[in-house]
Amino acid sequence: MSAAPPPSSGRELANPPSDGISNLRFSNHSDHLLVSSWDKTVRLYDAGANVLKGEFVHGGPVLDCCFHDDSSGFSACADHTVRRYVFSSGKEDILGRHDAPVRCVEYSYAAGQVITGSWDKTLKCWTLEVQAGQIAHLLEHTNNQNACIPFLLLVITWLLQQQGGE
């Protein structure tokens, strides 16, 4: 006797990416879902309404994404770029570049900076004020393993300490 499949507790979104999903992030403020994919796109969904609200095309696979707020977000791309999106206008610009594919991206609300990690063995902290895309901090590591997440946590902690936070 075979076991019955478990009941489905989710649903499939309309207009999914055509290749593997590299990451997805839910907004902290709404039902918006940001999805990065190997099909070279970042997609913004209204998950509650099951509607694709926007799509941004890159020059290579998109390896990570994150929200800035409900009106904008960022992505890390294999074409070495860090991109910013304004969802309401569909505007997109390149915030900065690495010397190898950008593996991860995170927005630090405490520091007001975008933090990226790349296979070029660097972590970069990008400013959004005054001259957007200016590097505020650059850290290099010699570890050949993908250490993005531990390094991002380290950088965020360091930035908080520099600002007198906890």
C-alpha atoms as a PDB file:
ATOM      1  CA  MET A   1       0.000   0.000   0.000  1.00  0.00           C
ATOM      2  CA  SER A   2       1.445   3.354  -0.999  1.00  0.00           C
ATOM      3  CA  ALA A   3       1.153   6.475   1.074  1.00  0.00           C
ATOM      4  CA  ALA A   4      -1.075   9.249  -0.148  1.00  0.00           C
ATOM      5  CA  PRO A   5       0.717  12.465  -1.130  1.00  0.00           C
ATOM      6  CA  PRO A   6       0.542  15.207   1.479  1.00  0.00           C
ATOM      7  CA  PRO A   7      -2.116  17.854   0.931  1.00  0.00           C
ATOM      8  CA  SER A   8      -0.921  20.987  -0.826  1.00  0.00           C
ATOM      9  CA  SER A   9      -0.789  24.014   1.426  1.00  0.00           C
ATOM     10  CA  GLY A  10       0.482  26.433  -1.221  1.00  0.00           C
ATOM     11  CA  ARG A  11      -0.336  27.516  -4.710  1.00  0.00           C
ATOM     12  CA  GLU A  12       1.573  28.062  -7.900  1.00  0.00           C
ATOM     13  CA  LEU A  13       2.066  31.651  -8.968  1.00  0.00           C
ATOM     14  CA  ALA A  14       0.951  32.800 -12.380  1.00  0.00           C
ATOM     15  CA  ASN A  15       3.767  33.579 -14.844  1.00  0.00           C
ATOM     16  CA  PRO A  16       6.622  31.781 -13.042  1.00  0.00           C
ATOM     17  CA  PRO A  17      10.249  32.079 -14.199  1.00  0.00           C
ATOM     18  CA  SER A  18      11.241  29.803 -17.092  1.00  0.00           C
ATOM     19  CA  ASP A  19      14.309  28.439 -15.249  1.00  0.00           C
ATOM     20  CA  GLY A  20      15.323  27.673 -11.663  1.00  0.00           C
ATOM     21  CA  ILE A  21      14.593  30.139  -8.874  1.00  0.00           C
ATOM     22  CA  SER A  22      17.787  31.287  -7.147  1.00  0.00           C
ATOM     23  CA  ASN A  23      16.055  33.151  -4.312  1.00  0.00           C
ATOM     24  CA  LEU A  24      12.774  34.655  -3.212  1.00  0.00           C
ATOM     25  CA  ARG A  25      11.916  37.274  -0.624  1.00  0.00           C
ATOM     26  CA  PHE A  26       8.616  38.342   0.884  1.00  0.00           C
ATOM     27  CA  SER A  27       8.177  42.011   1.712  1.00  0.00           C
ATOM     28  CA  ASN A  28       8.009  42.939   5.387  1.00  0.00           C
ATOM     29  CA  HIS A  29       5.154  45.342   4.639  1.00  0.00           C
ATOM     30  CA  SER A  30       2.835  43.704   2.095  1.00  0.00           C
ATOM     31  CA  ASP A  31       2.056  40.537   0.132  1.00  0.00           C
ATOM     32  CA  HIS A  32       4.748  41.391  -2.425  1.00  0.00           C
ATOM     33  CA  LEU A  33       7.160  38.633  -3.401  1.00  0.00           C
ATOM     34  CA  LEU A  34      10.478  39.294  -5.168  1.00  0.00           C
ATOM     35  CA  VAL A  35      11.930  36.347  -7.132  1.00  0.00           C
ATOM     36  CA  SER A  36      15.365  36.033  -8.765  1.00  0.00           C
ATOM     37  CA  SER A  37      16.018  33.351 -11.352  1.00  0.00           C
ATOM     38  CA  TRP A  38      18.535  31.656 -13.596  1.00  0.00           C
ATOM     39  CA  ASP A  39      16.351  32.794 -16.532  1.00  0.00           C
ATOM     40  CA  LYS A  40      18.004  36.257 -16.152  1.00  0.00           C
ATOM     41  CA  THR A  41      14.969  37.907 -14.534  1.00  0.00           C
ATOM     42  CA  VAL A  42      13.801  39.459 -11.304  1.00  0.00           C
ATOM     43  CA  ARG A  43      10.033  39.293 -10.905  1.00  0.00           C
ATOM     44  CA  LEU A  44       7.767  41.167  -8.532  1.00  0.00           C
ATOM     45  CA  TYR A  45       4.502  39.469  -7.603  1.00  0.00           C
ATOM     46  CA  ASP A  46       1.487  40.416  -5.569  1.00  0.00           C
ATOM     47  CA  ALA A  47       1.331  36.986  -3.946  1.00  0.00           C
ATOM     48  CA  GLY A  48      -2.094  37.566  -2.394  1.00  0.00           C
ATOM     49  CA  ALA A  49      -3.699  38.396  -5.749  1.00  0.00           C
ATOM     50  CA  ASN A  50      -1.461  35.972  -7.709  1.00  0.00           C
ATOM     51  CA  VAL A  51      -0.446  38.729 -10.141  1.00  0.00           C
ATOM     52  CA  LEU A  52       2.916  39.451 -11.777  1.00  0.00           C
ATOM     53  CA  LYS A  53       3.452  43.183 -11.155  1.00  0.00           C
ATOM     54  CA  GLY A  54       6.831  43.643 -12.828  1.00  0.00           C
ATOM     55  CA  GLU A  55       9.719  41.906 -14.536  1.00  0.00           C
ATOM     56  CA  PHE A  56      13.313  43.105 -14.960  1.00  0.00           C
ATOM     57  CA  VAL A  57      15.700  41.399 -17.400  1.00  0.00           C
ATOM     58  CA  HIS A  58      19.462  41.098 -16.793  1.00  0.00           C
ATOM     59  CA  GLY A  59      22.425  40.159 -18.974  1.00  0.00           C
ATOM     60  CA  GLY A  60      23.011  36.943 -17.021  1.00  0.00           C
ATOM     61  CA  PRO A  61      21.470  34.707 -14.359  1.00  0.00           C
ATOM     62  CA  VAL A  62      20.265  36.550 -11.264  1.00  0.00           C
ATOM     63  CA  LEU A  63      21.679  34.921  -8.129  1.00  0.00           C
ATOM     64  CA  ASP A  64      19.970  36.896  -5.346  1.00  0.00           C
ATOM     65  CA  CYS A  65      17.483  39.677  -4.644  1.00  0.00           C
ATOM     66  CA  CYS A  66      16.140  41.711  -1.737  1.00  0.00           C
ATOM     67  CA  PHE A  67      13.679  44.477  -0.968  1.00  0.00           C
ATOM     68  CA  HIS A  68      14.685  47.998  -0.011  1.00  0.00           C
ATOM     69  CA  ASP A  69      11.059  48.787   0.784  1.00  0.00           C
ATOM     70  CA  ASP A  70       7.755  48.114  -0.974  1.00  0.00           C
ATOM     71  CA  SER A  71       8.653  50.553  -3.750  1.00  0.00           C
ATOM     72  CA  SER A  72      12.148  49.323  -4.648  1.00  0.00           C
ATOM     73  CA  GLY A  73      14.592  46.431  -4.488  1.00  0.00           C
ATOM     74  CA  PHE A  74      18.038  45.166  -5.452  1.00  0.00           C
ATOM     75  CA  SER A  75      19.576  42.196  -7.233  1.00  0.00           C
ATOM     76  CA  ALA A  76      22.913  40.375  -7.498  1.00  0.00           C
ATOM     77  CA  CYS A  77      23.746  39.158 -10.974  1.00  0.00           C
ATOM     78  CA  ALA A  78      26.171  36.775 -12.642  1.00  0.00           C
ATOM     79  CA  ASP A  79      26.995  39.574 -15.126  1.00  0.00           C
ATOM     80  CA  HIS A  80      28.935  41.206 -12.208  1.00  0.00           C
ATOM     81  CA  THR A  81      26.314  43.930 -11.589  1.00  0.00           C
ATOM     82  CA  VAL A  82      24.316  45.072  -8.578  1.00  0.00           C
ATOM     83  CA  ARG A  83      21.031  46.566  -9.756  1.00  0.00           C
ATOM     84  CA  ARG A  84      18.345  48.722  -8.194  1.00  0.00           C
ATOM     85  CA  TYR A  85      14.674  48.733  -9.236  1.00  0.00           C
ATOM     86  CA  VAL A  86      11.867  51.221  -8.697  1.00  0.00           C
ATOM     87  CA  PHE A  87       8.776  49.077  -9.034  1.00  0.00           C
ATOM     88  CA  SER A  88       6.133  51.752  -9.705  1.00  0.00           C
ATOM     89  CA  SER A  89       7.984  53.275 -12.676  1.00  0.00           C
ATOM     90  CA  GLY A  90       9.785  50.169 -13.921  1.00  0.00           C
ATOM     91  CA  LYS A  91      13.032  52.146 -13.641  1.00  0.00           C
ATOM     92  CA  GLU A  92      16.219  50.131 -13.273  1.00  0.00           C
ATOM     93  CA  ASP A  93      19.821  51.231 -12.834  1.00  0.00           C
ATOM     94  CA  ILE A  94      23.191  49.698 -12.058  1.00  0.00           C
ATOM     95  CA  LEU A  95      24.187  50.550  -8.499  1.00  0.00           C
ATOM     96  CA  GLY A  96      27.666  49.053  -8.888  1.00  0.00           C
ATOM     97  CA  ARG A  97      29.893  46.273 -10.177  1.00  0.00           C
ATOM     98  CA  HIS A  98      32.162  43.514  -8.920  1.00  0.00           C
ATOM     99  CA  ASP A  99      35.005  41.784 -10.790  1.00  0.00           C
ATOM    100  CA  ALA A 100      33.169  38.424 -10.782  1.00  0.00           C
ATOM    101  CA  PRO A 101      29.543  37.253 -10.437  1.00  0.00           C
ATOM    102  CA  VAL A 102      27.722  38.839  -7.503  1.00  0.00           C
ATOM    103  CA  ARG A 103      26.479  36.003  -5.294  1.00  0.00           C
ATOM    104  CA  CYS A 104      24.411  37.753  -2.623  1.00  0.00           C
ATOM    105  CA  VAL A 105      22.782  41.063  -1.771  1.00  0.00           C
ATOM    106  CA  GLU A 106      21.225  42.396   1.422  1.00  0.00           C
ATOM    107  CA  TYR A 107      19.878  45.794   2.404  1.00  0.00           C
ATOM    108  CA  SER A 108      20.865  46.948   5.905  1.00  0.00           C
ATOM    109  CA  TYR A 109      18.165  49.205   7.327  1.00  0.00           C
ATOM    110  CA  ALA A 110      20.442  50.084  10.256  1.00  0.00           C
ATOM    111  CA  ALA A 111      23.292  51.251   8.007  1.00  0.00           C
ATOM    112  CA  GLY A 112      21.163  52.474   5.102  1.00  0.00           C
ATOM    113  CA  GLN A 113      23.453  50.575   2.724  1.00  0.00           C
ATOM    114  CA  VAL A 114      23.295  47.731   0.241  1.00  0.00           C
ATOM    115  CA  ILE A 115      25.786  44.968   1.066  1.00  0.00           C
ATOM    116  CA  THR A 116      26.957  42.599  -1.669  1.00  0.00           C
ATOM    117  CA  GLY A 117      29.211  39.565  -1.756  1.00  0.00           C
ATOM    118  CA  SER A 118      30.913  38.305  -4.890  1.00  0.00           C
ATOM    119  CA  TRP A 119      32.967  35.409  -6.164  1.00  0.00           C
ATOM    120  CA  ASP A 120      35.727  38.016  -6.628  1.00  0.00           C
ATOM    121  CA  LYS A 121      36.282  37.502  -2.860  1.00  0.00           C
ATOM    122  CA  THR A 122      35.024  40.947  -1.871  1.00  0.00           C
ATOM    123  CA  LEU A 123      32.158  42.320   0.156  1.00  0.00           C
ATOM    124  CA  LYS A 124      31.056  45.819  -0.775  1.00  0.00           C
ATOM    125  CA  CYS A 125      28.807  48.218   1.112  1.00  0.00           C
ATOM    126  CA  TRP A 126      27.094  50.653  -1.255  1.00  0.00           C
ATOM    127  CA  THR A 127      25.650  54.016  -0.235  1.00  0.00           C
ATOM    128  CA  LEU A 128      22.246  55.163  -1.464  1.00  0.00           C
ATOM    129  CA  GLU A 129      22.561  58.803  -0.424  1.00  0.00           C
ATOM    130  CA  VAL A 130      24.451  61.691  -2.047  1.00  0.00           C
ATOM    131  CA  GLN A 131      26.324  59.715  -4.755  1.00  0.00           C
ATOM    132  CA  ALA A 132      24.352  56.513  -5.131  1.00  0.00           C
ATOM    133  CA  GLY A 133      26.533  53.538  -5.857  1.00  0.00           C
ATOM    134  CA  GLN A 134      29.593  54.883  -4.092  1.00  0.00           C
ATOM    135  CA  ILE A 135      31.419  52.188  -2.125  1.00  0.00           C
ATOM    136  CA  ALA A 136      31.325  53.014   1.580  1.00  0.00           C
ATOM    137  CA  HIS A 137      33.307  49.950   2.710  1.00  0.00           C
ATOM    138  CA  LEU A 138      35.272  47.247   0.887  1.00  0.00           C
ATOM    139  CA  LEU A 139      36.296  44.013   2.589  1.00  0.00           C
ATOM    140  CA  GLU A 140      38.318  41.273   0.914  1.00  0.00           C
ATOM    141  CA  HIS A 141      38.605  37.661   2.029  1.00  0.00           C
ATOM    142  CA  THR A 142      40.880  34.848   0.898  1.00  0.00           C
ATOM    143  CA  ASN A 143      38.535  31.946   1.582  1.00  0.00           C
ATOM    144  CA  ASN A 144      37.702  30.166  -1.678  1.00  0.00           C
ATOM    145  CA  GLN A 145      34.429  28.851  -0.286  1.00  0.00           C
ATOM    146  CA  ASN A 146      31.197  30.744  -0.716  1.00  0.00           C
ATOM    147  CA  ALA A 147      31.046  32.513   2.631  1.00  0.00           C
ATOM    148  CA  CYS A 148      28.475  35.129   1.687  1.00  0.00           C
ATOM    149  CA  ILE A 149      26.010  34.724   4.522  1.00  0.00           C
ATOM    150  CA  PRO A 150      28.498  34.605   7.430  1.00  0.00           C
ATOM    151  CA  PHE A 151      30.382  37.545   5.921  1.00  0.00           C
ATOM    152  CA  LEU A 152      27.191  39.538   5.438  1.00  0.00           C
ATOM    153  CA  LEU A 153      26.267  38.990   9.067  1.00  0.00           C
ATOM    154  CA  LEU A 154      29.753  40.048  10.095  1.00  0.00           C
ATOM    155  CA  VAL A 155      29.586  43.214   7.997  1.00  0.00           C
ATOM    156  CA  ILE A 156      26.127  44.128   9.273  1.00  0.00           C
ATOM    157  CA  THR A 157      27.288  43.651  12.870  1.00  0.00           C
ATOM    158  CA  TRP A 158      30.395  45.754  12.204  1.00  0.00           C
ATOM    159  CA  LEU A 159      28.353  48.531  10.593  1.00  0.00           C
ATOM    160  CA  LEU A 160      25.972  48.604  13.536  1.00  0.00           C
ATOM    161  CA  GLN A 161      28.884  48.874  15.951  1.00  0.00           C
ATOM    162  CA  GLN A 162      30.366  51.748  13.924  1.00  0.00           C
ATOM    163  CA  GLN A 163      27.075  53.608  14.254  1.00  0.00           C
ATOM    164  CA  GLY A 164      26.859  52.953  17.997  1.00  0.00           C
ATOM    165  CA  GLY A 165      23.994  50.455  17.653  1.00  0.00           C
ATOM    166  CA  GLU A 166      23.716  47.047  19.231  1.00  0.00           C
END
